[in-house]
Amino acid sequence: MPEEDRYVIEILDVALDIIDSMAFNQQEYHSPSVLARQSNINRSRTFRILKTLERRGYVDYDSKMETYRLGMKFLAISKNIRDRLSLRREAEEILKELAAETGDCAYLIIS
């Protein structure tokens, strides 16, 4: 077992697998059984994870279709990250490297 694996919280790792599966699948709604298959865990455990995520606002449940989709909380999180992101700061080192490699000037222009 790699050294860093001893710090991994297994159930959190599984929950993030389910979120990843929902985020990177083209479908908007996901059934617990399909998510269980994709994450390679049993349906009961998947259901409990989904209910926990629903309670916290990370997923929404459609009772008519008995499916789940990612919740609006992810939009709030992404907005917070976007608001804190300084494009200039993030690009500065890359632009310096580009200028050094090409022997030319490198500028960041946002229109």
PDB file of N, CA and C in Angstrom:
ATOM      1  N   MET A   1       0.851  -1.177   0.000  1.00  0.00           N
ATOM      2  CA  MET A   1       0.000   0.000   0.000  1.00  0.00           C
ATOM      3  C   MET A   1       0.898   1.242   0.000  1.00  0.00           C
ATOM      4  N   PRO A   2       0.691   2.141  -0.963  1.00  0.00           N
ATOM      5  CA  PRO A   2       1.482   3.370  -0.997  1.00  0.00           C
ATOM      6  C   PRO A   2       1.277   4.200   0.273  1.00  0.00           C
ATOM      7  N   GLU A   3       2.301   4.915   0.671  1.00  0.00           N
ATOM      8  CA  GLU A   3       2.293   5.716   1.895  1.00  0.00           C
ATOM      9  C   GLU A   3       1.096   6.666   1.965  1.00  0.00           C
ATOM     10  N   GLU A   4       0.794   7.359   0.863  1.00  0.00           N
ATOM     11  CA  GLU A   4      -0.286   8.353   0.896  1.00  0.00           C
ATOM     12  C   GLU A   4      -1.673   7.714   1.029  1.00  0.00           C
ATOM     13  N   ASP A   5      -1.821   6.427   0.702  1.00  0.00           N
ATOM     14  CA  ASP A   5      -3.116   5.752   0.808  1.00  0.00           C
ATOM     15  C   ASP A   5      -3.601   5.648   2.249  1.00  0.00           C
ATOM     16  N   ARG A   6      -2.700   5.660   3.202  1.00  0.00           N
ATOM     17  CA  ARG A   6      -3.136   5.530   4.595  1.00  0.00           C
ATOM     18  C   ARG A   6      -3.883   6.769   5.077  1.00  0.00           C
ATOM     19  N   TYR A   7      -3.796   7.860   4.339  1.00  0.00           N
ATOM     20  CA  TYR A   7      -4.489   9.089   4.703  1.00  0.00           C
ATOM     21  C   TYR A   7      -5.837   9.245   3.992  1.00  0.00           C
ATOM     22  N   VAL A   8      -6.150   8.337   3.095  1.00  0.00           N
ATOM     23  CA  VAL A   8      -7.394   8.414   2.321  1.00  0.00           C
ATOM     24  C   VAL A   8      -8.559   7.912   3.173  1.00  0.00           C
ATOM     25  N   ILE A   9      -9.632   8.700   3.183  1.00  0.00           N
ATOM     26  CA  ILE A   9     -10.864   8.288   3.853  1.00  0.00           C
ATOM     27  C   ILE A   9     -11.695   7.556   2.811  1.00  0.00           C
ATOM     28  N   GLU A  10     -11.837   6.269   2.983  1.00  0.00           N
ATOM     29  CA  GLU A  10     -12.394   5.400   1.954  1.00  0.00           C
ATOM     30  C   GLU A  10     -13.797   5.811   1.527  1.00  0.00           C
ATOM     31  N   ILE A  11     -14.703   6.090   2.456  1.00  0.00           N
ATOM     32  CA  ILE A  11     -16.082   6.425   2.088  1.00  0.00           C
ATOM     33  C   ILE A  11     -16.147   7.767   1.361  1.00  0.00           C
ATOM     34  N   LEU A  12     -15.299   8.699   1.741  1.00  0.00           N
ATOM     35  CA  LEU A  12     -15.239   9.981   1.037  1.00  0.00           C
ATOM     36  C   LEU A  12     -14.727   9.770  -0.380  1.00  0.00           C
ATOM     37  N   ASP A  13     -13.749   8.907  -0.530  1.00  0.00           N
ATOM     38  CA  ASP A  13     -13.203   8.575  -1.842  1.00  0.00           C
ATOM     39  C   ASP A  13     -14.292   7.977  -2.738  1.00  0.00           C
ATOM     40  N   VAL A  14     -15.118   7.107  -2.170  1.00  0.00           N
ATOM     41  CA  VAL A  14     -16.213   6.481  -2.915  1.00  0.00           C
ATOM     42  C   VAL A  14     -17.259   7.534  -3.302  1.00  0.00           C
ATOM     43  N   ALA A  15     -17.602   8.422  -2.366  1.00  0.00           N
ATOM     44  CA  ALA A  15     -18.578   9.475  -2.654  1.00  0.00           C
ATOM     45  C   ALA A  15     -18.084  10.373  -3.787  1.00  0.00           C
ATOM     46  N   LEU A  16     -16.806  10.677  -3.778  1.00  0.00           N
ATOM     47  CA  LEU A  16     -16.243  11.502  -4.854  1.00  0.00           C
ATOM     48  C   LEU A  16     -16.237  10.757  -6.182  1.00  0.00           C
ATOM     49  N   ASP A  17     -16.085   9.436  -6.147  1.00  0.00           N
ATOM     50  CA  ASP A  17     -16.211   8.642  -7.376  1.00  0.00           C
ATOM     51  C   ASP A  17     -17.614   8.783  -7.961  1.00  0.00           C
ATOM     52  N   ILE A  18     -18.616   8.767  -7.099  1.00  0.00           N
ATOM     53  CA  ILE A  18     -20.001   8.917  -7.551  1.00  0.00           C
ATOM     54  C   ILE A  18     -20.217  10.306  -8.142  1.00  0.00           C
ATOM     55  N   ILE A  19     -19.705  11.338  -7.474  1.00  0.00           N
ATOM     56  CA  ILE A  19     -19.830  12.705  -7.990  1.00  0.00           C
ATOM     57  C   ILE A  19     -19.124  12.819  -9.336  1.00  0.00           C
ATOM     58  N   ASP A  20     -17.919  12.270  -9.450  1.00  0.00           N
ATOM     59  CA  ASP A  20     -17.194  12.288 -10.726  1.00  0.00           C
ATOM     60  C   ASP A  20     -17.986  11.587 -11.819  1.00  0.00           C
ATOM     61  N   SER A  21     -18.566  10.457 -11.483  1.00  0.00           N
ATOM     62  CA  SER A  21     -19.349   9.708 -12.457  1.00  0.00           C
ATOM     63  C   SER A  21     -20.527  10.544 -12.957  1.00  0.00           C
ATOM     64  N   MET A  22     -21.177  11.254 -12.057  1.00  0.00           N
ATOM     65  CA  MET A  22     -22.303  12.110 -12.445  1.00  0.00           C
ATOM     66  C   MET A  22     -21.823  13.307 -13.265  1.00  0.00           C
ATOM     67  N   ALA A  23     -20.698  13.867 -12.886  1.00  0.00           N
ATOM     68  CA  ALA A  23     -20.209  15.084 -13.538  1.00  0.00           C
ATOM     69  C   ALA A  23     -19.699  14.835 -14.954  1.00  0.00           C
ATOM     70  N   PHE A  24     -19.109  13.686 -15.179  1.00  0.00           N
ATOM     71  CA  PHE A  24     -18.466  13.456 -16.466  1.00  0.00           C
ATOM     72  C   PHE A  24     -19.267  12.556 -17.397  1.00  0.00           C
ATOM     73  N   ASN A  25     -20.492  12.230 -16.999  1.00  0.00           N
ATOM     74  CA  ASN A  25     -21.398  11.466 -17.837  1.00  0.00           C
ATOM     75  C   ASN A  25     -22.301  12.462 -18.562  1.00  0.00           C
ATOM     76  N   GLN A  26     -22.649  12.185 -19.781  1.00  0.00           N
ATOM     77  CA  GLN A  26     -23.451  13.105 -20.585  1.00  0.00           C
ATOM     78  C   GLN A  26     -24.901  13.213 -20.120  1.00  0.00           C
ATOM     79  N   GLN A  27     -25.373  12.242 -19.365  1.00  0.00           N
ATOM     80  CA  GLN A  27     -26.761  12.276 -18.916  1.00  0.00           C
ATOM     81  C   GLN A  27     -26.927  13.283 -17.786  1.00  0.00           C
ATOM     82  N   GLU A  28     -28.106  13.924 -17.742  1.00  0.00           N
ATOM     83  CA  GLU A  28     -28.388  14.855 -16.647  1.00  0.00           C
ATOM     84  C   GLU A  28     -28.820  14.093 -15.397  1.00  0.00           C
ATOM     85  N   TYR A  29     -29.676  13.084 -15.571  1.00  0.00           N
ATOM     86  CA  TYR A  29     -30.193  12.313 -14.444  1.00  0.00           C
ATOM     87  C   TYR A  29     -29.534  10.941 -14.399  1.00  0.00           C
ATOM     88  N   HIS A  30     -29.321  10.446 -13.176  1.00  0.00           N
ATOM     89  CA  HIS A  30     -28.603   9.184 -12.984  1.00  0.00           C
ATOM     90  C   HIS A  30     -29.354   8.307 -11.990  1.00  0.00           C
ATOM     91  N   SER A  31     -29.494   7.042 -12.324  1.00  0.00           N
ATOM     92  CA  SER A  31     -30.139   6.110 -11.397  1.00  0.00           C
ATOM     93  C   SER A  31     -29.093   5.577 -10.417  1.00  0.00           C
ATOM     94  N   PRO A  32     -29.505   5.287  -9.196  1.00  0.00           N
ATOM     95  CA  PRO A  32     -28.559   4.741  -8.224  1.00  0.00           C
ATOM     96  C   PRO A  32     -27.906   3.443  -8.691  1.00  0.00           C
ATOM     97  N   SER A  33     -28.667   2.594  -9.385  1.00  0.00           N
ATOM     98  CA  SER A  33     -28.091   1.314  -9.825  1.00  0.00           C
ATOM     99  C   SER A  33     -27.000   1.515 -10.877  1.00  0.00           C
ATOM    100  N   VAL A  34     -27.204   2.447 -11.796  1.00  0.00           N
ATOM    101  CA  VAL A  34     -26.175   2.726 -12.813  1.00  0.00           C
ATOM    102  C   VAL A  34     -24.947   3.337 -12.147  1.00  0.00           C
ATOM    103  N   LEU A  35     -25.160   4.266 -11.232  1.00  0.00           N
ATOM    104  CA  LEU A  35     -24.028   4.878 -10.518  1.00  0.00           C
ATOM    105  C   LEU A  35     -23.270   3.833  -9.707  1.00  0.00           C
ATOM    106  N   ALA A  36     -23.999   2.900  -9.106  1.00  0.00           N
ATOM    107  CA  ALA A  36     -23.353   1.824  -8.338  1.00  0.00           C
ATOM    108  C   ALA A  36     -22.465   0.978  -9.242  1.00  0.00           C
ATOM    109  N   ARG A  37     -22.993   0.640 -10.418  1.00  0.00           N
ATOM    110  CA  ARG A  37     -22.218  -0.153 -11.379  1.00  0.00           C
ATOM    111  C   ARG A  37     -20.977   0.605 -11.838  1.00  0.00           C
ATOM    112  N   GLN A  38     -21.155   1.889 -12.168  1.00  0.00           N
ATOM    113  CA  GLN A  38     -20.033   2.693 -12.653  1.00  0.00           C
ATOM    114  C   GLN A  38     -18.957   2.884 -11.582  1.00  0.00           C
ATOM    115  N   SER A  39     -19.392   2.962 -10.320  1.00  0.00           N
ATOM    116  CA  SER A  39     -18.448   3.188  -9.217  1.00  0.00           C
ATOM    117  C   SER A  39     -17.982   1.879  -8.589  1.00  0.00           C
ATOM    118  N   ASN A  40     -18.529   0.773  -9.051  1.00  0.00           N
ATOM    119  CA  ASN A  40     -18.156  -0.551  -8.575  1.00  0.00           C
ATOM    120  C   ASN A  40     -18.406  -0.721  -7.072  1.00  0.00           C
ATOM    121  N   ILE A  41     -19.567  -0.244  -6.611  1.00  0.00           N
ATOM    122  CA  ILE A  41     -19.987  -0.438  -5.224  1.00  0.00           C
ATOM    123  C   ILE A  41     -21.441  -0.900  -5.235  1.00  0.00           C
ATOM    124  N   ASN A  42     -21.905  -1.441  -4.095  1.00  0.00           N
ATOM    125  CA  ASN A  42     -23.275  -1.958  -4.089  1.00  0.00           C
ATOM    126  C   ASN A  42     -24.302  -0.827  -4.079  1.00  0.00           C
ATOM    127  N   ARG A  43     -25.502  -1.170  -4.546  1.00  0.00           N
ATOM    128  CA  ARG A  43     -26.570  -0.174  -4.715  1.00  0.00           C
ATOM    129  C   ARG A  43     -26.976   0.453  -3.389  1.00  0.00           C
ATOM    130  N   SER A  44     -27.012  -0.326  -2.329  1.00  0.00           N
ATOM    131  CA  SER A  44     -27.403   0.177  -1.014  1.00  0.00           C
ATOM    132  C   SER A  44     -26.447   1.266  -0.524  1.00  0.00           C
ATOM    133  N   ARG A  45     -25.175   1.026  -0.681  1.00  0.00           N
ATOM    134  CA  ARG A  45     -24.174   2.018  -0.273  1.00  0.00           C
ATOM    135  C   ARG A  45     -24.273   3.275  -1.146  1.00  0.00           C
ATOM    136  N   THR A  46     -24.467   3.064  -2.431  1.00  0.00           N
ATOM    137  CA  THR A  46     -24.636   4.185  -3.357  1.00  0.00           C
ATOM    138  C   THR A  46     -25.847   5.021  -2.951  1.00  0.00           C
ATOM    139  N   PHE A  47     -26.954   4.353  -2.632  1.00  0.00           N
ATOM    140  CA  PHE A  47     -28.169   5.044  -2.233  1.00  0.00           C
ATOM    141  C   PHE A  47     -27.929   5.888  -0.976  1.00  0.00           C
ATOM    142  N   ARG A  48     -27.249   5.329   0.016  1.00  0.00           N
ATOM    143  CA  ARG A  48     -26.979   6.071   1.259  1.00  0.00           C
ATOM    144  C   ARG A  48     -26.086   7.283   0.994  1.00  0.00           C
ATOM    145  N   ILE A  49     -25.114   7.122   0.126  1.00  0.00           N
ATOM    146  CA  ILE A  49     -24.241   8.249  -0.231  1.00  0.00           C
ATOM    147  C   ILE A  49     -25.056   9.326  -0.939  1.00  0.00           C
ATOM    148  N   LEU A  50     -25.900   8.915  -1.881  1.00  0.00           N
ATOM    149  CA  LEU A  50     -26.739   9.878  -2.612  1.00  0.00           C
ATOM    150  C   LEU A  50     -27.681  10.626  -1.666  1.00  0.00           C
ATOM    151  N   LYS A  51     -28.265   9.927  -0.706  1.00  0.00           N
ATOM    152  CA  LYS A  51     -29.159  10.575   0.255  1.00  0.00           C
ATOM    153  C   LYS A  51     -28.396  11.591   1.111  1.00  0.00           C
ATOM    154  N   THR A  52     -27.172  11.274   1.476  1.00  0.00           N
ATOM    155  CA  THR A  52     -26.344  12.210   2.239  1.00  0.00           C
ATOM    156  C   THR A  52     -26.015  13.431   1.392  1.00  0.00           C
ATOM    157  N   LEU A  53     -25.640  13.203   0.149  1.00  0.00           N
ATOM    158  CA  LEU A  53     -25.342  14.312  -0.760  1.00  0.00           C
ATOM    159  C   LEU A  53     -26.588  15.155  -1.011  1.00  0.00           C
ATOM    160  N   GLU A  54     -27.740  14.516  -1.103  1.00  0.00           N
ATOM    161  CA  GLU A  54     -28.994  15.250  -1.298  1.00  0.00           C
ATOM    162  C   GLU A  54     -29.285  16.136  -0.083  1.00  0.00           C
ATOM    163  N   ARG A  55     -29.111  15.593   1.092  1.00  0.00           N
ATOM    164  CA  ARG A  55     -29.373  16.352   2.321  1.00  0.00           C
ATOM    165  C   ARG A  55     -28.497  17.594   2.409  1.00  0.00           C
ATOM    166  N   ARG A  56     -27.283  17.507   1.857  1.00  0.00           N
ATOM    167  CA  ARG A  56     -26.342  18.629   1.901  1.00  0.00           C
ATOM    168  C   ARG A  56     -26.446  19.542   0.679  1.00  0.00           C
ATOM    169  N   GLY A  57     -27.325  19.211  -0.282  1.00  0.00           N
ATOM    170  CA  GLY A  57     -27.543  20.062  -1.448  1.00  0.00           C
ATOM    171  C   GLY A  57     -26.616  19.792  -2.622  1.00  0.00           C
ATOM    172  N   TYR A  58     -25.847  18.719  -2.545  1.00  0.00           N
ATOM    173  CA  TYR A  58     -24.919  18.412  -3.633  1.00  0.00           C
ATOM    174  C   TYR A  58     -25.583  17.659  -4.775  1.00  0.00           C
ATOM    175  N   VAL A  59     -26.687  16.979  -4.500  1.00  0.00           N
ATOM    176  CA  VAL A  59     -27.465  16.343  -5.559  1.00  0.00           C
ATOM    177  C   VAL A  59     -28.942  16.634  -5.329  1.00  0.00           C
ATOM    178  N   ASP A  60     -29.707  16.589  -6.412  1.00  0.00           N
ATOM    179  CA  ASP A  60     -31.157  16.745  -6.370  1.00  0.00           C
ATOM    180  C   ASP A  60     -31.788  15.417  -6.764  1.00  0.00           C
ATOM    181  N   TYR A  61     -32.913  15.114  -6.130  1.00  0.00           N
ATOM    182  CA  TYR A  61     -33.629  13.867  -6.394  1.00  0.00           C
ATOM    183  C   TYR A  61     -34.914  14.159  -7.159  1.00  0.00           C
ATOM    184  N   ASP A  62     -35.145  13.395  -8.215  1.00  0.00           N
ATOM    185  CA  ASP A  62     -36.394  13.478  -8.973  1.00  0.00           C
ATOM    186  C   ASP A  62     -37.232  12.259  -8.583  1.00  0.00           C
ATOM    187  N   SER A  63     -38.276  12.493  -7.779  1.00  0.00           N
ATOM    188  CA  SER A  63     -39.076  11.377  -7.261  1.00  0.00           C
ATOM    189  C   SER A  63     -39.881  10.665  -8.345  1.00  0.00           C
ATOM    190  N   LYS A  64     -40.250  11.373  -9.399  1.00  0.00           N
ATOM    191  CA  LYS A  64     -41.014  10.738 -10.482  1.00  0.00           C
ATOM    192  C   LYS A  64     -40.149   9.733 -11.239  1.00  0.00           C
ATOM    193  N   MET A  65     -38.924  10.133 -11.537  1.00  0.00           N
ATOM    194  CA  MET A  65     -38.014   9.259 -12.300  1.00  0.00           C
ATOM    195  C   MET A  65     -37.122   8.409 -11.398  1.00  0.00           C
ATOM    196  N   GLU A  66     -37.128   8.711 -10.082  1.00  0.00           N
ATOM    197  CA  GLU A  66     -36.272   8.028  -9.107  1.00  0.00           C
ATOM    198  C   GLU A  66     -34.806   8.081  -9.518  1.00  0.00           C
ATOM    199  N   THR A  67     -34.387   9.283  -9.897  1.00  0.00           N
ATOM    200  CA  THR A  67     -33.006   9.503 -10.326  1.00  0.00           C
ATOM    201  C   THR A  67     -32.435  10.740  -9.629  1.00  0.00           C
ATOM    202  N   TYR A  68     -31.144  10.893  -9.777  1.00  0.00           N
ATOM    203  CA  TYR A  68     -30.433  12.010  -9.150  1.00  0.00           C
ATOM    204  C   TYR A  68     -29.672  12.798 -10.205  1.00  0.00           C
ATOM    205  N   ARG A  69     -29.427  14.066  -9.889  1.00  0.00           N
ATOM    206  CA  ARG A  69     -28.558  14.889 -10.719  1.00  0.00           C
ATOM    207  C   ARG A  69     -27.764  15.795  -9.789  1.00  0.00           C
ATOM    208  N   LEU A  70     -26.668  16.327 -10.301  1.00  0.00           N
ATOM    209  CA  LEU A  70     -25.861  17.230  -9.494  1.00  0.00           C
ATOM    210  C   LEU A  70     -26.682  18.447  -9.100  1.00  0.00           C
ATOM    211  N   GLY A  71     -26.484  18.920  -7.884  1.00  0.00           N
ATOM    212  CA  GLY A  71     -27.260  20.027  -7.356  1.00  0.00           C
ATOM    213  C   GLY A  71     -26.615  21.382  -7.604  1.00  0.00           C
ATOM    214  N   MET A  72     -27.381  22.402  -7.290  1.00  0.00           N
ATOM    215  CA  MET A  72     -26.949  23.784  -7.495  1.00  0.00           C
ATOM    216  C   MET A  72     -25.793  24.193  -6.590  1.00  0.00           C
ATOM    217  N   LYS A  73     -25.549  23.425  -5.547  1.00  0.00           N
ATOM    218  CA  LYS A  73     -24.449  23.771  -4.642  1.00  0.00           C
ATOM    219  C   LYS A  73     -23.119  23.807  -5.395  1.00  0.00           C
ATOM    220  N   PHE A  74     -22.988  22.982  -6.420  1.00  0.00           N
ATOM    221  CA  PHE A  74     -21.752  22.996  -7.210  1.00  0.00           C
ATOM    222  C   PHE A  74     -21.583  24.312  -7.953  1.00  0.00           C
ATOM    223  N   LEU A  75     -22.686  24.932  -8.366  1.00  0.00           N
ATOM    224  CA  LEU A  75     -22.594  26.247  -9.011  1.00  0.00           C
ATOM    225  C   LEU A  75     -22.099  27.295  -8.027  1.00  0.00           C
ATOM    226  N   ALA A  76     -22.604  27.242  -6.792  1.00  0.00           N
ATOM    227  CA  ALA A  76     -22.163  28.194  -5.765  1.00  0.00           C
ATOM    228  C   ALA A  76     -20.676  28.010  -5.468  1.00  0.00           C
ATOM    229  N   ILE A  77     -20.232  26.764  -5.406  1.00  0.00           N
ATOM    230  CA  ILE A  77     -18.819  26.490  -5.152  1.00  0.00           C
ATOM    231  C   ILE A  77     -17.969  26.991  -6.309  1.00  0.00           C
ATOM    232  N   SER A  78     -18.387  26.703  -7.532  1.00  0.00           N
ATOM    233  CA  SER A  78     -17.599  27.130  -8.692  1.00  0.00           C
ATOM    234  C   SER A  78     -17.575  28.649  -8.816  1.00  0.00           C
ATOM    235  N   LYS A  79     -18.663  29.319  -8.453  1.00  0.00           N
ATOM    236  CA  LYS A  79     -18.685  30.778  -8.481  1.00  0.00           C
ATOM    237  C   LYS A  79     -17.695  31.341  -7.465  1.00  0.00           C
ATOM    238  N   ASN A  80     -17.652  30.736  -6.298  1.00  0.00           N
ATOM    239  CA  ASN A  80     -16.704  31.177  -5.271  1.00  0.00           C
ATOM    240  C   ASN A  80     -15.265  31.022  -5.757  1.00  0.00           C
ATOM    241  N   ILE A  81     -14.962  29.910  -6.383  1.00  0.00           N
ATOM    242  CA  ILE A  81     -13.609  29.670  -6.916  1.00  0.00           C
ATOM    243  C   ILE A  81     -13.309  30.665  -8.022  1.00  0.00           C
ATOM    244  N   ARG A  82     -14.262  30.846  -8.932  1.00  0.00           N
ATOM    245  CA  ARG A  82     -14.062  31.779 -10.041  1.00  0.00           C
ATOM    246  C   ARG A  82     -13.834  33.200  -9.532  1.00  0.00           C
ATOM    247  N   ASP A  83     -14.582  33.603  -8.509  1.00  0.00           N
ATOM    248  CA  ASP A  83     -14.437  34.949  -7.955  1.00  0.00           C
ATOM    249  C   ASP A  83     -13.065  35.162  -7.312  1.00  0.00           C
ATOM    250  N   ARG A  84     -12.476  34.092  -6.774  1.00  0.00           N
ATOM    251  CA  ARG A  84     -11.159  34.204  -6.138  1.00  0.00           C
ATOM    252  C   ARG A  84     -10.009  34.063  -7.124  1.00  0.00           C
ATOM    253  N   LEU A  85     -10.279  33.545  -8.290  1.00  0.00           N
ATOM    254  CA  LEU A  85      -9.247  33.261  -9.262  1.00  0.00           C
ATOM    255  C   LEU A  85      -8.717  34.546  -9.886  1.00  0.00           C
ATOM    256  N   SER A  86      -7.430  34.708  -9.813  1.00  0.00           N
ATOM    257  CA  SER A  86      -6.793  35.839 -10.469  1.00  0.00           C
ATOM    258  C   SER A  86      -6.123  35.305 -11.732  1.00  0.00           C
ATOM    259  N   LEU A  87      -6.728  35.591 -12.862  1.00  0.00           N
ATOM    260  CA  LEU A  87      -6.197  35.099 -14.124  1.00  0.00           C
ATOM    261  C   LEU A  87      -4.776  35.601 -14.357  1.00  0.00           C
ATOM    262  N   ARG A  88      -4.546  36.853 -14.013  1.00  0.00           N
ATOM    263  CA  ARG A  88      -3.204  37.428 -14.189  1.00  0.00           C
ATOM    264  C   ARG A  88      -2.175  36.652 -13.367  1.00  0.00           C
ATOM    265  N   ARG A  89      -2.485  36.389 -12.109  1.00  0.00           N
ATOM    266  CA  ARG A  89      -1.566  35.660 -11.237  1.00  0.00           C
ATOM    267  C   ARG A  89      -1.351  34.237 -11.751  1.00  0.00           C
ATOM    268  N   GLU A  90      -2.421  33.600 -12.196  1.00  0.00           N
ATOM    269  CA  GLU A  90      -2.324  32.228 -12.697  1.00  0.00           C
ATOM    270  C   GLU A  90      -1.491  32.157 -13.984  1.00  0.00           C
ATOM    271  N   ALA A  91      -1.596  33.173 -14.827  1.00  0.00           N
ATOM    272  CA  ALA A  91      -0.919  33.152 -16.128  1.00  0.00           C
ATOM    273  C   ALA A  91       0.514  33.686 -16.072  1.00  0.00           C
ATOM    274  N   GLU A  92       0.856  34.394 -15.022  1.00  0.00           N
ATOM    275  CA  GLU A  92       2.146  35.098 -14.976  1.00  0.00           C
ATOM    276  C   GLU A  92       3.343  34.173 -15.213  1.00  0.00           C
ATOM    277  N   GLU A  93       3.426  33.080 -14.502  1.00  0.00           N
ATOM    278  CA  GLU A  93       4.579  32.172 -14.644  1.00  0.00           C
ATOM    279  C   GLU A  93       4.608  31.531 -16.033  1.00  0.00           C
ATOM    280  N   ILE A  94       3.462  31.173 -16.546  1.00  0.00           N
ATOM    281  CA  ILE A  94       3.381  30.569 -17.882  1.00  0.00           C
ATOM    282  C   ILE A  94       3.850  31.570 -18.936  1.00  0.00           C
ATOM    283  N   LEU A  95       3.432  32.813 -18.803  1.00  0.00           N
ATOM    284  CA  LEU A  95       3.849  33.847 -19.755  1.00  0.00           C
ATOM    285  C   LEU A  95       5.355  34.092 -19.681  1.00  0.00           C
ATOM    286  N   LYS A  96       5.916  34.069 -18.485  1.00  0.00           N
ATOM    287  CA  LYS A  96       7.372  34.234 -18.333  1.00  0.00           C
ATOM    288  C   LYS A  96       8.122  33.095 -19.022  1.00  0.00           C
ATOM    289  N   GLU A  97       7.638  31.866 -18.820  1.00  0.00           N
ATOM    290  CA  GLU A  97       8.261  30.706 -19.460  1.00  0.00           C
ATOM    291  C   GLU A  97       8.143  30.798 -20.977  1.00  0.00           C
ATOM    292  N   LEU A  98       6.981  31.198 -21.459  1.00  0.00           N
ATOM    293  CA  LEU A  98       6.765  31.345 -22.895  1.00  0.00           C
ATOM    294  C   LEU A  98       7.703  32.386 -23.484  1.00  0.00           C
ATOM    295  N   ALA A  99       7.857  33.513 -22.799  1.00  0.00           N
ATOM    296  CA  ALA A  99       8.762  34.571 -23.275  1.00  0.00           C
ATOM    297  C   ALA A  99      10.196  34.077 -23.274  1.00  0.00           C
ATOM    298  N   ALA A 100      10.588  33.330 -22.238  1.00  0.00           N
ATOM    299  CA  ALA A 100      11.956  32.812 -22.163  1.00  0.00           C
ATOM    300  C   ALA A 100      12.227  31.792 -23.271  1.00  0.00           C
ATOM    301  N   GLU A 101      11.275  30.930 -23.534  1.00  0.00           N
ATOM    302  CA  GLU A 101      11.448  29.902 -24.561  1.00  0.00           C
ATOM    303  C   GLU A 101      11.489  30.491 -25.970  1.00  0.00           C
ATOM    304  N   THR A 102      10.691  31.508 -26.216  1.00  0.00           N
ATOM    305  CA  THR A 102      10.594  32.058 -27.566  1.00  0.00           C
ATOM    306  C   THR A 102      11.527  33.238 -27.796  1.00  0.00           C
ATOM    307  N   GLY A 103      12.046  33.823 -26.695  1.00  0.00           N
ATOM    308  CA  GLY A 103      12.884  35.010 -26.820  1.00  0.00           C
ATOM    309  C   GLY A 103      12.094  36.225 -27.258  1.00  0.00           C
ATOM    310  N   ASP A 104      10.805  36.175 -27.038  1.00  0.00           N
ATOM    311  CA  ASP A 104       9.910  37.267 -27.442  1.00  0.00           C
ATOM    312  C   ASP A 104       9.103  37.709 -26.230  1.00  0.00           C
ATOM    313  N   CYS A 105       8.295  38.701 -26.415  1.00  0.00           N
ATOM    314  CA  CYS A 105       7.411  39.170 -25.347  1.00  0.00           C
ATOM    315  C   CYS A 105       6.158  38.311 -25.327  1.00  0.00           C
ATOM    316  N   ALA A 106       5.583  38.162 -24.140  1.00  0.00           N
ATOM    317  CA  ALA A 106       4.317  37.426 -23.991  1.00  0.00           C
ATOM    318  C   ALA A 106       3.380  38.277 -23.165  1.00  0.00           C
ATOM    319  N   TYR A 107       2.164  38.477 -23.675  1.00  0.00           N
ATOM    320  CA  TYR A 107       1.184  39.316 -23.007  1.00  0.00           C
ATOM    321  C   TYR A 107      -0.114  38.553 -22.797  1.00  0.00           C
ATOM    322  N   LEU A 108      -0.813  38.939 -21.759  1.00  0.00           N
ATOM    323  CA  LEU A 108      -2.149  38.400 -21.502  1.00  0.00           C
ATOM    324  C   LEU A 108      -3.133  39.529 -21.814  1.00  0.00           C
ATOM    325  N   ILE A 109      -3.985  39.277 -22.779  1.00  0.00           N
ATOM    326  CA  ILE A 109      -4.985  40.268 -23.159  1.00  0.00           C
ATOM    327  C   ILE A 109      -6.361  39.617 -23.024  1.00  0.00           C
ATOM    328  N   ILE A 110      -7.248  40.278 -22.299  1.00  0.00           N
ATOM    329  CA  ILE A 110      -8.608  39.770 -22.119  1.00  0.00           C
ATOM    330  C   ILE A 110      -9.553  40.795 -22.729  1.00  0.00           C
ATOM    331  N   SER A 111     -10.379  40.329 -23.626  1.00  0.00           N
ATOM    332  CA  SER A 111     -11.327  41.269 -24.247  1.00  0.00           C
ATOM    333  C   SER A 111     -12.741  40.899 -23.901  1.00  0.00           C
TER     334      SER A 111
END
